[in-house]
Protein backbone atom coordinates (compact mmCIF):
# COMPACT_ATOMS: atom_id res chain seq x y z
CA MET A 1 107.50 141.42 39.65
CA SER A 2 104.68 139.20 38.54
CA LEU A 3 104.37 135.57 39.59
CA PHE A 4 104.48 132.66 37.15
CA THR A 5 101.11 130.88 37.38
CA LYS A 6 99.39 127.92 35.76
CA LYS A 7 97.85 130.24 33.19
CA ASP A 8 101.31 131.29 32.03
CA LEU A 9 102.37 127.63 31.83
CA GLY A 10 99.35 126.78 29.70
CA LEU A 11 100.25 129.60 27.25
CA LEU A 12 103.79 128.29 26.93
CA LEU A 13 102.71 124.74 26.11
CA PRO A 14 102.33 123.85 22.37
CA ASP A 15 98.90 123.38 20.95
CA ASP A 16 99.63 120.12 19.18
CA THR A 17 100.46 118.32 22.41
CA PRO A 18 97.40 116.45 23.77
CA GLY A 19 96.60 117.02 27.44
CA ASP A 20 94.06 117.93 30.11
CA PRO A 21 93.82 121.71 30.38
CA VAL A 22 92.18 121.50 33.81
CA SER A 23 94.66 119.32 35.64
CA LEU A 24 97.55 119.89 33.24
CA ARG A 25 98.31 116.18 33.16
CA HIS A 26 99.75 115.21 29.73
CA THR A 27 99.37 111.77 28.24
CA GLN A 28 101.14 109.80 25.47
CA THR A 29 98.03 109.41 23.42
CA LYS A 30 95.74 111.88 21.63
CA GLU A 31 92.52 110.45 23.17
CA ALA A 32 92.30 113.06 25.90
CA THR A 33 89.84 115.85 25.36
CA GLU A 34 89.51 119.27 26.83
CA VAL A 35 86.10 118.41 28.29
CA PHE A 36 86.27 117.94 32.08
CA GLU A 37 84.30 114.99 33.42
CA PRO A 38 83.35 114.96 37.12
CA LEU A 39 84.82 112.18 39.23
CA LYS A 40 82.57 109.28 39.99
CA PRO A 41 82.27 107.82 43.50
CA LYS A 42 83.89 104.51 44.24
CA VAL A 43 80.70 103.19 45.92
CA ASP A 44 77.57 103.02 43.76
CA PRO A 45 74.76 104.61 45.75
CA SER A 46 72.09 102.83 43.54
CA LYS A 47 73.12 99.44 45.03
CA LYS A 48 71.92 98.49 48.56
CA VAL A 49 74.76 97.90 51.04
CA THR A 50 74.02 94.91 53.24
CA ARG A 51 75.07 95.04 56.88
CA TYR A 52 77.60 92.61 58.08
CA ARG A 53 76.48 90.49 61.02
CA ALA A 54 78.83 88.51 63.16
CA GLY A 55 78.42 84.69 62.73
CA HIS A 56 76.57 85.02 59.31
CA VAL A 57 78.26 84.42 56.04
CA PRO A 58 77.89 87.43 53.63
CA HIS A 59 75.90 86.90 50.38
CA PHE A 60 78.98 87.38 48.26
CA ALA A 61 80.91 84.59 50.20
CA HIS A 62 78.56 81.74 49.52
CA GLY A 63 80.47 78.82 48.05
CA TYR A 64 83.83 80.26 49.03
CA GLU A 65 84.67 77.44 51.44
CA GLU A 66 83.58 74.80 48.94
CA ASP A 67 85.92 76.27 46.31
CA ARG A 68 88.82 76.06 48.76
CA GLY A 69 88.04 72.54 49.77
CA PHE A 70 86.44 73.06 53.17
CA VAL A 71 83.58 70.84 54.37
CA THR A 72 80.31 72.62 55.25
CA ALA A 73 77.45 71.40 57.47
CA ASN A 74 75.57 69.90 54.50
CA SER A 75 78.57 67.82 53.47
CA GLN A 76 79.26 64.28 54.58
CA PRO A 77 81.77 63.83 57.52
CA VAL A 78 85.28 63.22 56.24
CA GLU A 79 86.89 59.92 57.14
CA PRO A 80 90.64 59.90 57.94
CA GLN A 81 92.73 58.36 55.13
CA ILE A 82 95.44 55.81 55.72
CA VAL A 83 98.59 56.62 53.76
CA LYS A 84 101.59 54.41 53.39
CA ARG A 85 105.06 55.80 53.68
CA GLY A 86 106.06 54.66 50.20
CA ALA A 87 102.95 55.89 48.41
CA VAL A 88 103.17 59.17 46.40
CA THR A 89 99.91 60.94 45.62
CA THR A 90 100.78 64.47 44.57
CA PRO A 91 103.33 65.74 42.04
CA ALA A 92 105.13 67.76 44.71
CA ALA A 93 105.47 64.63 46.96
CA LYS A 94 106.61 62.67 43.90
CA SER A 95 109.39 65.12 43.06
CA ALA A 96 110.45 65.22 46.69
CA ALA A 97 110.55 61.44 46.79
CA ASP A 98 112.64 61.33 43.64
CA SER A 99 115.16 63.79 45.01
CA LEU A 100 115.32 61.94 48.26
CA GLN A 101 115.93 58.66 46.41
CA SER A 102 118.63 60.09 44.25
CA ASN A 103 120.45 61.48 47.33
CA SER A 104 120.18 58.13 49.13
CA SER A 105 121.55 56.24 46.09
CA SER A 106 124.47 58.54 45.76
CA SER A 107 125.28 58.31 49.41
CA SER A 108 125.03 54.52 49.39
CA SER A 109 127.28 54.23 46.37
CA SER A 110 129.92 56.40 47.99
CA SER A 111 129.74 54.50 51.26
CA GLU A 112 132.04 51.58 51.98
CA TYR A 113 129.36 49.57 53.82
CA GLU A 114 126.29 48.00 52.28
CA THR A 115 123.01 48.38 54.07
CA ASP A 116 119.73 46.55 53.64
CA THR A 117 117.00 48.48 51.86
CA ASP A 118 113.33 48.77 52.92
CA GLU A 119 111.90 48.10 49.38
CA SER A 120 111.00 44.60 50.21
CA GLU A 121 109.36 45.51 53.57
CA PRO A 122 105.72 46.64 53.65
CA GLY A 123 105.12 50.36 54.16
CA GLU A 124 104.07 51.76 57.56
CA GLU A 125 100.53 52.89 57.86
CA LEU A 126 100.22 56.56 58.79
CA MET A 127 97.16 58.73 59.55
CA LYS A 128 96.72 61.68 57.19
CA PRO A 129 95.57 64.82 59.11
CA VAL A 130 92.42 66.15 57.59
CA PHE A 131 90.69 69.40 58.75
CA VAL A 132 87.13 68.81 59.76
CA PRO A 133 84.83 71.78 60.63
CA LYS A 134 83.15 71.94 63.98
CA LYS A 135 79.73 71.31 62.53
CA ALA A 136 80.88 68.16 60.70
CA ARG A 137 82.82 66.60 63.59
CA GLY A 138 81.59 63.38 65.18
CA THR A 139 82.54 64.49 68.68
CA VAL A 140 79.88 67.19 68.77
CA LYS A 141 76.69 66.12 70.39
CA GLY A 142 73.68 65.89 68.32
CA GLN A 143 70.32 67.71 69.00
CA LYS A 144 68.83 64.47 70.34
CA GLU A 145 71.62 64.05 72.89
CA LEU A 146 71.21 67.66 74.01
CA ASP A 147 67.47 67.27 74.46
CA ALA A 148 67.97 64.05 76.42
CA GLU A 149 70.50 65.75 78.68
CA GLU A 150 68.09 68.73 79.27
CA GLU A 151 65.33 66.27 80.23
CA ARG A 152 67.62 64.52 82.67
CA ARG A 153 68.58 67.83 84.29
CA GLN A 154 64.95 68.88 84.66
CA LYS A 155 64.11 65.47 86.20
CA ARG A 156 66.89 65.94 88.66
CA GLU A 157 65.55 69.40 89.56
CA GLU A 158 62.13 68.02 90.16
CA GLU A 159 63.48 65.23 92.42
CA LYS A 160 65.27 67.85 94.48
CA ILE A 161 62.10 69.92 94.86
CA ASN A 162 60.06 66.91 95.89
CA ALA A 163 62.72 65.92 98.40
CA ARG A 164 62.50 69.43 100.01
CA LYS A 165 58.79 69.21 100.07
CA MET A 166 58.91 65.92 101.83
CA GLU A 167 61.39 67.20 104.32
CA SER A 168 59.25 70.26 105.11
CA ARG A 169 56.26 68.05 105.65
CA ARG A 170 58.25 65.82 107.91
CA LEU A 171 59.44 68.79 110.03
CA VAL A 172 55.87 70.09 110.32
CA ALA A 173 54.57 66.68 111.38
CA GLU A 174 57.31 66.41 114.02
CA GLU A 175 56.46 69.88 115.39
CA ILE A 176 52.75 68.95 115.54
CA GLN A 177 53.52 65.72 117.30
CA ARG A 178 55.75 67.58 119.79
CA ASP A 179 52.93 69.97 120.61
CA LEU A 180 50.48 67.14 121.14
CA ASP A 181 52.91 65.36 123.46
CA VAL A 182 53.28 68.52 125.52
CA ASP A 183 49.49 68.89 125.77
CA LYS A 184 49.15 65.35 126.92
CA ALA A 185 51.89 65.59 129.48
CA GLY A 186 50.52 68.83 130.88
CA ASP A 187 52.30 71.97 132.10
CA SER A 188 53.76 71.60 135.51
CA THR A 189 54.14 75.33 136.17
CA ASP A 190 50.46 76.19 135.42
CA VAL A 191 51.57 79.57 134.16
CA GLU A 192 49.61 79.60 130.97
CA MET A 193 46.76 77.54 132.21
CA PRO A 194 43.38 79.37 132.89
CA ASP A 195 42.08 79.64 136.44
CA ASP A 196 39.41 77.01 136.81
CA THR A 197 39.02 77.10 140.65
CA ASP A 198 35.82 79.15 140.59
CA GLY A 199 32.86 77.59 142.38
CA LEU A 200 34.83 75.19 144.52
CA ASP A 201 34.10 77.01 147.81
CA PRO A 202 31.43 79.71 147.42
CA ALA A 203 31.40 80.69 151.09
CA GLN A 204 35.21 81.39 151.17
CA GLU A 205 34.99 83.27 147.81
CA TYR A 206 32.23 85.47 149.27
CA ARG A 207 34.40 86.30 152.37
CA ASP A 208 37.36 87.17 150.15
CA TRP A 209 35.27 89.46 147.99
CA GLU A 210 33.84 91.09 151.08
CA LEU A 211 37.39 91.80 152.39
CA ARG A 212 38.55 93.23 149.02
CA GLU A 213 35.51 95.48 148.87
CA MET A 214 36.16 96.81 152.44
CA ARG A 215 39.73 97.57 151.49
CA ARG A 216 38.71 99.41 148.41
CA ILE A 217 36.15 101.52 150.36
CA LYS A 218 38.74 102.44 152.97
CA ARG A 219 41.31 103.31 150.20
CA ASP A 220 38.82 105.66 148.53
CA ARG A 221 37.88 107.20 151.89
CA ASP A 222 41.47 107.91 152.70
CA ARG A 223 42.07 109.62 149.39
CA LYS A 224 39.07 111.87 149.84
CA GLU A 225 40.23 112.82 153.32
CA GLN A 226 43.69 113.63 152.10
CA ARG A 227 42.39 115.90 149.33
CA ARG A 228 40.12 117.65 151.87
CA LYS A 229 43.04 118.31 154.26
CA GLU A 230 45.18 119.66 151.38
CA ALA A 231 42.40 122.04 150.36
CA GLU A 232 42.01 123.34 153.94
CA GLU A 233 45.88 123.80 154.30
CA THR A 234 45.94 125.71 150.98
CA GLN A 235 43.06 127.97 152.15
CA ARG A 236 44.67 128.58 155.53
CA ARG A 237 47.98 129.62 153.96
CA ARG A 238 46.18 131.95 151.58
CA ASN A 239 44.49 133.71 154.46
CA MET A 240 47.86 134.38 156.23
CA THR A 241 50.02 137.43 155.59
CA GLU A 242 53.52 137.27 154.04
CA GLU A 243 55.26 137.72 157.39
CA GLU A 244 53.23 134.87 158.89
CA ARG A 245 54.06 132.54 156.08
CA THR A 246 57.77 133.38 156.28
CA ALA A 247 57.83 132.77 160.02
CA GLU A 248 56.05 129.46 159.70
CA ASP A 249 58.36 128.34 156.98
CA ALA A 250 61.41 129.25 159.12
CA LYS A 251 59.93 127.29 162.07
CA LEU A 252 59.26 124.21 159.92
CA LYS A 253 62.60 124.60 158.02
CA LYS A 254 60.67 124.25 154.86
CA ASN A 255 62.81 126.23 152.45
CA GLU A 256 66.20 125.37 153.95
CA PRO A 257 68.51 123.40 151.56
CA LYS A 258 69.23 119.87 152.50
CA GLU A 259 72.62 119.27 154.04
CA LYS A 260 74.89 117.37 151.62
CA LYS A 261 77.19 114.77 153.00
CA LYS A 262 80.81 115.40 152.31
CA LEU A 263 82.56 112.73 150.30
CA LYS A 264 85.79 111.10 151.56
CA PHE A 265 89.16 111.69 149.81
CA MET A 266 89.10 110.25 146.26
CA GLN A 267 85.65 108.65 146.84
CA LYS A 268 83.72 107.71 143.70
CA TYR A 269 80.48 109.58 143.03
CA TYR A 270 77.33 107.60 142.14
CA HIS A 271 74.09 109.33 141.09
CA LYS A 272 70.98 107.90 142.75
CA GLY A 273 69.03 108.04 139.46
CA ALA A 274 66.07 109.98 138.20
CA PHE A 275 63.50 107.25 137.83
CA TYR A 276 60.90 106.00 140.33
CA VAL A 277 61.85 108.53 143.05
CA ASP A 278 58.58 110.33 143.44
CA ASP A 279 57.35 110.94 146.94
CA ASP A 280 53.92 109.45 146.24
CA SER A 281 55.22 105.96 145.55
CA ILE A 282 57.38 105.88 148.73
CA HIS A 283 55.18 104.96 151.77
CA THR A 284 57.73 103.48 154.19
CA LYS A 285 61.05 104.71 155.59
CA ASP A 286 62.76 101.42 154.86
CA ASP A 287 62.19 101.85 151.10
CA VAL A 288 65.34 101.09 149.20
CA ARG A 289 64.91 104.39 147.33
CA ASN A 290 65.57 106.25 150.53
CA ARG A 291 69.07 105.02 150.93
CA GLU A 292 72.03 107.42 150.79
CA ALA A 293 73.67 107.35 147.40
CA THR A 294 76.81 109.04 148.58
CA GLU A 295 77.82 106.34 151.08
CA ALA A 296 81.21 104.69 150.56
CA THR A 297 81.33 101.27 149.03
CA LEU A 298 84.05 98.59 148.38
CA GLU A 299 87.51 100.23 148.44
CA ASP A 300 86.07 103.64 149.28
CA LYS A 301 85.47 102.63 152.81
CA PHE A 302 89.24 102.94 153.59
CA ASN A 303 90.88 106.25 154.41
CA ARG A 304 93.30 106.98 151.55
CA GLU A 305 94.68 109.97 153.27
CA MET A 306 96.73 107.70 155.50
CA LEU A 307 98.50 106.20 152.43
CA PRO A 308 101.77 107.61 151.04
CA THR A 309 101.59 110.23 148.42
CA VAL A 310 102.65 107.97 145.68
CA MET A 311 99.80 105.53 146.46
CA GLN A 312 97.15 108.24 146.52
CA VAL A 313 96.06 107.58 142.95
CA LYS A 314 93.43 105.58 141.18
CA ASN A 315 94.17 101.94 140.21
CA PHE A 316 97.54 101.98 141.90
CA GLY A 317 99.81 99.22 140.63
CA ARG A 318 97.80 98.52 137.46
CA ALA A 319 98.57 99.25 133.82
CA GLY A 320 95.65 101.66 133.55
CA ARG A 321 96.51 103.80 136.52
CA THR A 322 96.59 107.64 136.20
CA LYS A 323 98.99 110.07 137.88
CA TYR A 324 96.21 112.50 138.69
CA THR A 325 94.15 112.46 141.89
CA HIS A 326 91.60 115.35 141.68
CA LEU A 327 91.21 118.77 140.14
CA ALA A 328 92.24 120.67 143.23
CA ASP A 329 95.52 118.88 143.24
CA GLN A 330 96.15 119.89 139.62
CA ASP A 331 95.21 123.55 139.97
CA THR A 332 97.13 125.70 137.42
CA SER A 333 95.82 129.08 138.37
CA GLY A 334 99.28 130.15 139.56
CA ARG A 335 98.34 132.31 142.48
CA ASP A 336 101.85 132.47 143.74
CA SER A 337 103.24 134.03 140.50
CA LEU A 338 104.21 137.65 140.28
CA TRP A 339 101.46 138.39 137.92
CA GLY A 340 98.93 137.26 140.41
CA ARG A 341 99.97 139.66 143.15
CA LYS A 342 98.04 142.87 143.81
CA ASP A 343 100.06 146.07 144.36
CA GLY A 344 100.10 149.64 143.13
CA ILE A 345 102.63 149.15 140.36
CA ARG A 346 100.65 146.40 138.59
CA GLU A 347 97.35 148.28 139.08
CA LYS A 348 98.85 151.27 137.33
CA TYR A 349 100.22 149.14 134.54
CA LYS A 350 96.82 147.43 134.02
CA SER A 351 95.10 150.82 133.86
CA HIS A 352 97.12 151.64 130.74
CA LEU A 353 96.18 148.37 128.94
CA GLY A 354 93.54 148.45 126.25
CA GLY A 355 90.06 147.40 127.16
CA MET A 356 90.56 147.98 130.94
CA LYS A 357 88.52 151.11 131.27
CA ASP A 358 84.68 151.62 131.42
CA ILE A 359 83.00 151.67 128.13
CA ASP A 360 80.59 154.46 129.02
CA GLY A 361 83.39 156.70 130.27
CA SER A 362 85.55 156.18 127.24
CA THR A 363 82.86 157.55 124.88
CA LYS A 364 82.46 160.90 126.60
CA ARG A 365 84.08 163.83 124.96
CA ARG A 366 86.27 166.15 126.88
CA ARG A 367 84.89 169.73 127.37
CA LYS A 368 87.04 172.33 125.80
CA GLU A 369 88.17 174.90 128.32
């Protein structure tokens, strides 16, 4: 079965009927031809299209506002017009006034009471609202006023800058005057003043210099003697055998560890510090760096073992107290449990566990018998 197409429809149409053979659109007139004309674009590409910019009036809109009755910047400012209530200026207003007058006359004739009319009284003056563009308004400041205001603003800024300069100069002058007053008064501490006592007593200065020089010579001699003794001791130890050196060290208790003092119960530990504890800088036994750092101080001087168990805690009675005393008291190793005991049954059970045997022995292969 063949489909009915446009070609079949064109064959069925009569030849005397005018129409467009391409689009098959029939007309009522015989002006249409069978020649197909290409469609023309709506926009003429030969003409230049101007770009629209905000705030600028297009070239095709010049004079549009004047035709509608708007006032432009070149026009004169519009003055408000005074219109009386009884005056009629436009045909629409005249017809509205006539209709209003007819209605009022009919209502007055039907009414039983007579009222006074306002025809004899003068009309009330009213202000007619007139649209005035922003450029033509009298409230907008002119260019001269704007320039004058800008000049006044710049003048105020200059005055502020000058005032700040004067204030800075005043502060500098006060600081200089304060320094001069301090120099005149003098420094009572004489800390920053140079030493100008030279030449007052030459004999005493010579004796002081002689004493300093003798002390320096003695200090250098002692250092040389100490280095010589150390070199002799080192050479003597090198000439000794290993057994002799060991016996001498045991006699002098040279390599024996120092006995540590046992701390009291719940005593705080303080480190003595790692700075300025070299032996070369300590010359006397009473040096503060030789003191015992593990001695009890403050509340550690009391024996806390005499207190009840509930009070043997840190910061007792305070909000920040803890319920723990020391690590030995909180030991969780559980030596009294059944798993901690050592007997034959548990040793046999452990031997069957994975990873309990020797690694080297587990890799050996059994010899086939």
